[in-house]
Amino acid sequence: MNILATIRREERKLENRVGELQGQLEGLKAAARALGISASDGLRTTRKRVLSAAGRARISAAAKRRWAKVRAGAKKAVS
């Protein structure tokens, strides 16, 4: 088995696939332009969600209560 020939064959396969994908991408861009939509419109960044200190404190307190129940149940099971 000639490894170099195998590598070249795989390279040609990948180059063909890249060409197919680029053709599909161009088709999608053309369709978007035909509909009057810019291709970059969907690439907006999302805003980071910010939690207030009070909200974090409530979540922390609730988690501590839940874990206290779990630990209390574990002590009863061991006894």
N, C-alpha and C. Protein backbone atom coordinates (compact mmCIF):
# COMPACT_ATOMS: atom_id res chain seq x y z
N MET A 1 0.84 -1.19 0.00
CA MET A 1 0.00 0.00 0.00
C MET A 1 0.88 1.24 0.00
N ASN A 2 0.62 2.10 -0.92
CA ASN A 2 1.41 3.32 -1.06
C ASN A 2 0.76 4.41 -0.22
N ILE A 3 1.40 4.79 0.85
CA ILE A 3 0.84 5.77 1.77
C ILE A 3 0.72 7.14 1.11
N LEU A 4 1.70 7.51 0.32
CA LEU A 4 1.67 8.82 -0.33
C LEU A 4 0.48 8.92 -1.28
N ALA A 5 0.20 7.87 -2.02
CA ALA A 5 -0.94 7.88 -2.93
C ALA A 5 -2.25 7.99 -2.15
N THR A 6 -2.33 7.32 -1.02
CA THR A 6 -3.52 7.38 -0.19
C THR A 6 -3.73 8.78 0.35
N ILE A 7 -2.67 9.41 0.78
CA ILE A 7 -2.75 10.78 1.30
C ILE A 7 -3.22 11.73 0.20
N ARG A 8 -2.68 11.57 -1.01
CA ARG A 8 -3.09 12.44 -2.12
C ARG A 8 -4.56 12.23 -2.47
N ARG A 9 -5.02 10.98 -2.43
CA ARG A 9 -6.42 10.69 -2.73
C ARG A 9 -7.33 11.35 -1.70
N GLU A 10 -6.97 11.26 -0.43
CA GLU A 10 -7.75 11.89 0.63
C GLU A 10 -7.73 13.41 0.48
N GLU A 11 -6.59 13.96 0.08
CA GLU A 11 -6.48 15.40 -0.13
C GLU A 11 -7.44 15.85 -1.23
N ARG A 12 -7.50 15.07 -2.34
CA ARG A 12 -8.42 15.42 -3.43
C ARG A 12 -9.87 15.34 -2.97
N LYS A 13 -10.20 14.34 -2.16
CA LYS A 13 -11.56 14.21 -1.63
C LYS A 13 -11.93 15.44 -0.81
N LEU A 14 -11.00 15.84 0.07
CA LEU A 14 -11.27 16.99 0.93
C LEU A 14 -11.38 18.28 0.12
N GLU A 15 -10.53 18.44 -0.89
CA GLU A 15 -10.61 19.63 -1.73
C GLU A 15 -11.95 19.67 -2.47
N ASN A 16 -12.42 18.53 -2.94
CA ASN A 16 -13.72 18.48 -3.60
C ASN A 16 -14.83 18.86 -2.63
N ARG A 17 -14.75 18.36 -1.40
CA ARG A 17 -15.77 18.66 -0.39
C ARG A 17 -15.77 20.15 -0.06
N VAL A 18 -14.58 20.74 0.05
CA VAL A 18 -14.48 22.18 0.32
C VAL A 18 -15.13 22.96 -0.81
N GLY A 19 -14.89 22.54 -2.04
CA GLY A 19 -15.52 23.21 -3.18
C GLY A 19 -17.03 23.11 -3.13
N GLU A 20 -17.55 21.93 -2.77
CA GLU A 20 -19.00 21.76 -2.65
C GLU A 20 -19.57 22.69 -1.59
N LEU A 21 -18.91 22.75 -0.44
CA LEU A 21 -19.39 23.59 0.66
C LEU A 21 -19.34 25.07 0.30
N GLN A 22 -18.28 25.47 -0.40
CA GLN A 22 -18.20 26.87 -0.82
C GLN A 22 -19.32 27.20 -1.79
N GLY A 23 -19.65 26.26 -2.67
CA GLY A 23 -20.75 26.47 -3.60
C GLY A 23 -22.08 26.62 -2.86
N GLN A 24 -22.28 25.79 -1.84
CA GLN A 24 -23.50 25.89 -1.04
C GLN A 24 -23.57 27.22 -0.31
N LEU A 25 -22.44 27.65 0.23
CA LEU A 25 -22.40 28.92 0.94
C LEU A 25 -22.72 30.08 0.00
N GLU A 26 -22.15 30.06 -1.19
CA GLU A 26 -22.45 31.10 -2.15
C GLU A 26 -23.92 31.10 -2.52
N GLY A 27 -24.50 29.90 -2.65
CA GLY A 27 -25.92 29.81 -2.95
C GLY A 27 -26.77 30.41 -1.86
N LEU A 28 -26.41 30.14 -0.62
CA LEU A 28 -27.16 30.70 0.51
C LEU A 28 -27.02 32.22 0.57
N LYS A 29 -25.82 32.71 0.31
CA LYS A 29 -25.62 34.16 0.31
C LYS A 29 -26.43 34.82 -0.80
N ALA A 30 -26.47 34.16 -1.97
CA ALA A 30 -27.24 34.71 -3.08
C ALA A 30 -28.72 34.74 -2.74
N ALA A 31 -29.21 33.68 -2.10
CA ALA A 31 -30.62 33.65 -1.71
C ALA A 31 -30.92 34.74 -0.69
N ALA A 32 -30.00 34.96 0.24
CA ALA A 32 -30.20 36.01 1.24
C ALA A 32 -30.22 37.39 0.57
N ARG A 33 -29.32 37.59 -0.39
CA ARG A 33 -29.31 38.88 -1.11
C ARG A 33 -30.61 39.06 -1.89
N ALA A 34 -31.11 37.98 -2.46
CA ALA A 34 -32.35 38.08 -3.22
C ALA A 34 -33.52 38.45 -2.32
N LEU A 35 -33.44 38.02 -1.07
CA LEU A 35 -34.50 38.36 -0.12
C LEU A 35 -34.26 39.71 0.55
N GLY A 36 -33.13 40.32 0.26
CA GLY A 36 -32.83 41.63 0.83
C GLY A 36 -32.26 41.56 2.23
N ILE A 37 -31.66 40.45 2.55
CA ILE A 37 -31.08 40.28 3.88
C ILE A 37 -29.57 40.25 3.74
N SER A 38 -28.88 41.02 4.55
CA SER A 38 -27.43 40.99 4.53
C SER A 38 -26.96 39.71 5.20
N ALA A 39 -25.91 39.11 4.68
CA ALA A 39 -25.40 37.85 5.23
C ALA A 39 -24.82 38.05 6.62
N SER A 40 -24.44 39.27 6.97
CA SER A 40 -23.84 39.50 8.28
C SER A 40 -24.87 39.91 9.33
N ASP A 41 -26.14 40.02 8.95
CA ASP A 41 -27.16 40.43 9.91
C ASP A 41 -27.30 39.44 11.06
N GLY A 42 -27.15 38.17 10.80
CA GLY A 42 -27.34 37.16 11.84
C GLY A 42 -26.15 36.98 12.74
N LEU A 43 -25.08 37.74 12.53
CA LEU A 43 -23.86 37.56 13.30
C LEU A 43 -23.73 38.58 14.43
N ARG A 44 -24.82 38.90 15.05
CA ARG A 44 -24.77 39.85 16.15
C ARG A 44 -24.29 39.16 17.42
N THR A 45 -23.60 39.91 18.24
CA THR A 45 -23.16 39.35 19.51
C THR A 45 -24.28 39.48 20.52
N THR A 46 -24.33 38.54 21.44
CA THR A 46 -25.36 38.58 22.47
C THR A 46 -24.82 39.33 23.68
N ARG A 47 -25.71 39.94 24.40
CA ARG A 47 -25.30 40.67 25.59
C ARG A 47 -25.14 39.71 26.75
N LYS A 48 -24.18 39.96 27.58
CA LYS A 48 -23.94 39.13 28.75
C LYS A 48 -25.03 39.40 29.77
N ARG A 49 -25.57 38.31 30.30
CA ARG A 49 -26.63 38.46 31.30
C ARG A 49 -25.99 38.74 32.65
N VAL A 50 -26.49 39.76 33.33
CA VAL A 50 -25.92 40.20 34.60
C VAL A 50 -26.93 39.92 35.71
N LEU A 51 -26.45 39.33 36.77
CA LEU A 51 -27.30 39.01 37.91
C LEU A 51 -26.94 39.96 39.05
N SER A 52 -27.96 40.51 39.69
CA SER A 52 -27.70 41.46 40.77
C SER A 52 -27.14 40.71 41.98
N ALA A 53 -26.54 41.46 42.88
CA ALA A 53 -25.98 40.87 44.10
C ALA A 53 -27.10 40.24 44.93
N ALA A 54 -28.25 40.87 44.98
CA ALA A 54 -29.38 40.32 45.73
C ALA A 54 -29.85 39.00 45.12
N GLY A 55 -29.88 38.95 43.80
CA GLY A 55 -30.28 37.73 43.11
C GLY A 55 -29.31 36.60 43.39
N ARG A 56 -28.00 36.90 43.34
CA ARG A 56 -26.99 35.88 43.64
C ARG A 56 -27.14 35.39 45.08
N ALA A 57 -27.43 36.32 46.00
CA ALA A 57 -27.59 35.95 47.41
C ALA A 57 -28.79 35.02 47.58
N ARG A 58 -29.91 35.30 46.90
CA ARG A 58 -31.08 34.43 46.99
C ARG A 58 -30.79 33.03 46.44
N ILE A 59 -30.09 32.98 45.32
CA ILE A 59 -29.75 31.68 44.74
C ILE A 59 -28.83 30.91 45.66
N SER A 60 -27.85 31.60 46.23
CA SER A 60 -26.91 30.96 47.16
C SER A 60 -27.64 30.42 48.39
N ALA A 61 -28.54 31.22 48.95
CA ALA A 61 -29.28 30.78 50.14
C ALA A 61 -30.15 29.57 49.82
N ALA A 62 -30.79 29.56 48.67
CA ALA A 62 -31.63 28.43 48.28
C ALA A 62 -30.79 27.17 48.10
N ALA A 63 -29.61 27.31 47.50
CA ALA A 63 -28.74 26.16 47.31
C ALA A 63 -28.28 25.61 48.65
N LYS A 64 -27.94 26.51 49.58
CA LYS A 64 -27.51 26.06 50.91
C LYS A 64 -28.63 25.32 51.62
N ARG A 65 -29.88 25.80 51.48
CA ARG A 65 -31.02 25.10 52.10
C ARG A 65 -31.20 23.71 51.49
N ARG A 66 -31.07 23.62 50.15
CA ARG A 66 -31.22 22.31 49.49
C ARG A 66 -30.14 21.34 49.95
N TRP A 67 -28.90 21.80 50.02
CA TRP A 67 -27.82 20.92 50.47
C TRP A 67 -27.96 20.55 51.94
N ALA A 68 -28.49 21.44 52.75
CA ALA A 68 -28.72 21.11 54.16
C ALA A 68 -29.72 19.97 54.27
N LYS A 69 -30.77 19.99 53.44
CA LYS A 69 -31.75 18.90 53.44
C LYS A 69 -31.10 17.59 53.02
N VAL A 70 -30.23 17.65 52.00
CA VAL A 70 -29.57 16.43 51.52
C VAL A 70 -28.67 15.87 52.62
N ARG A 71 -27.93 16.73 53.28
CA ARG A 71 -27.02 16.26 54.33
C ARG A 71 -27.81 15.71 55.52
N ALA A 72 -28.93 16.35 55.85
CA ALA A 72 -29.75 15.87 56.96
C ALA A 72 -30.31 14.48 56.62
N GLY A 73 -30.71 14.27 55.39
CA GLY A 73 -31.22 12.97 54.99
C GLY A 73 -30.12 11.91 55.02
N ALA A 74 -28.90 12.28 54.68
CA ALA A 74 -27.78 11.34 54.68
C ALA A 74 -27.44 10.91 56.11
N LYS A 75 -27.53 11.84 57.06
CA LYS A 75 -27.22 11.50 58.47
C LYS A 75 -28.26 10.53 59.01
N LYS A 76 -29.53 10.71 58.64
CA LYS A 76 -30.59 9.80 59.10
C LYS A 76 -30.39 8.42 58.52
N ALA A 77 -29.97 8.33 57.27
CA ALA A 77 -29.78 7.04 56.61
C ALA A 77 -28.62 6.28 57.21
N VAL A 78 -27.57 6.99 57.67
CA VAL A 78 -26.39 6.35 58.24
C VAL A 78 -26.69 5.87 59.66
N SER A 79 -27.49 6.60 60.42
CA SER A 79 -27.73 6.28 61.82
C SER A 79 -28.47 4.99 62.01
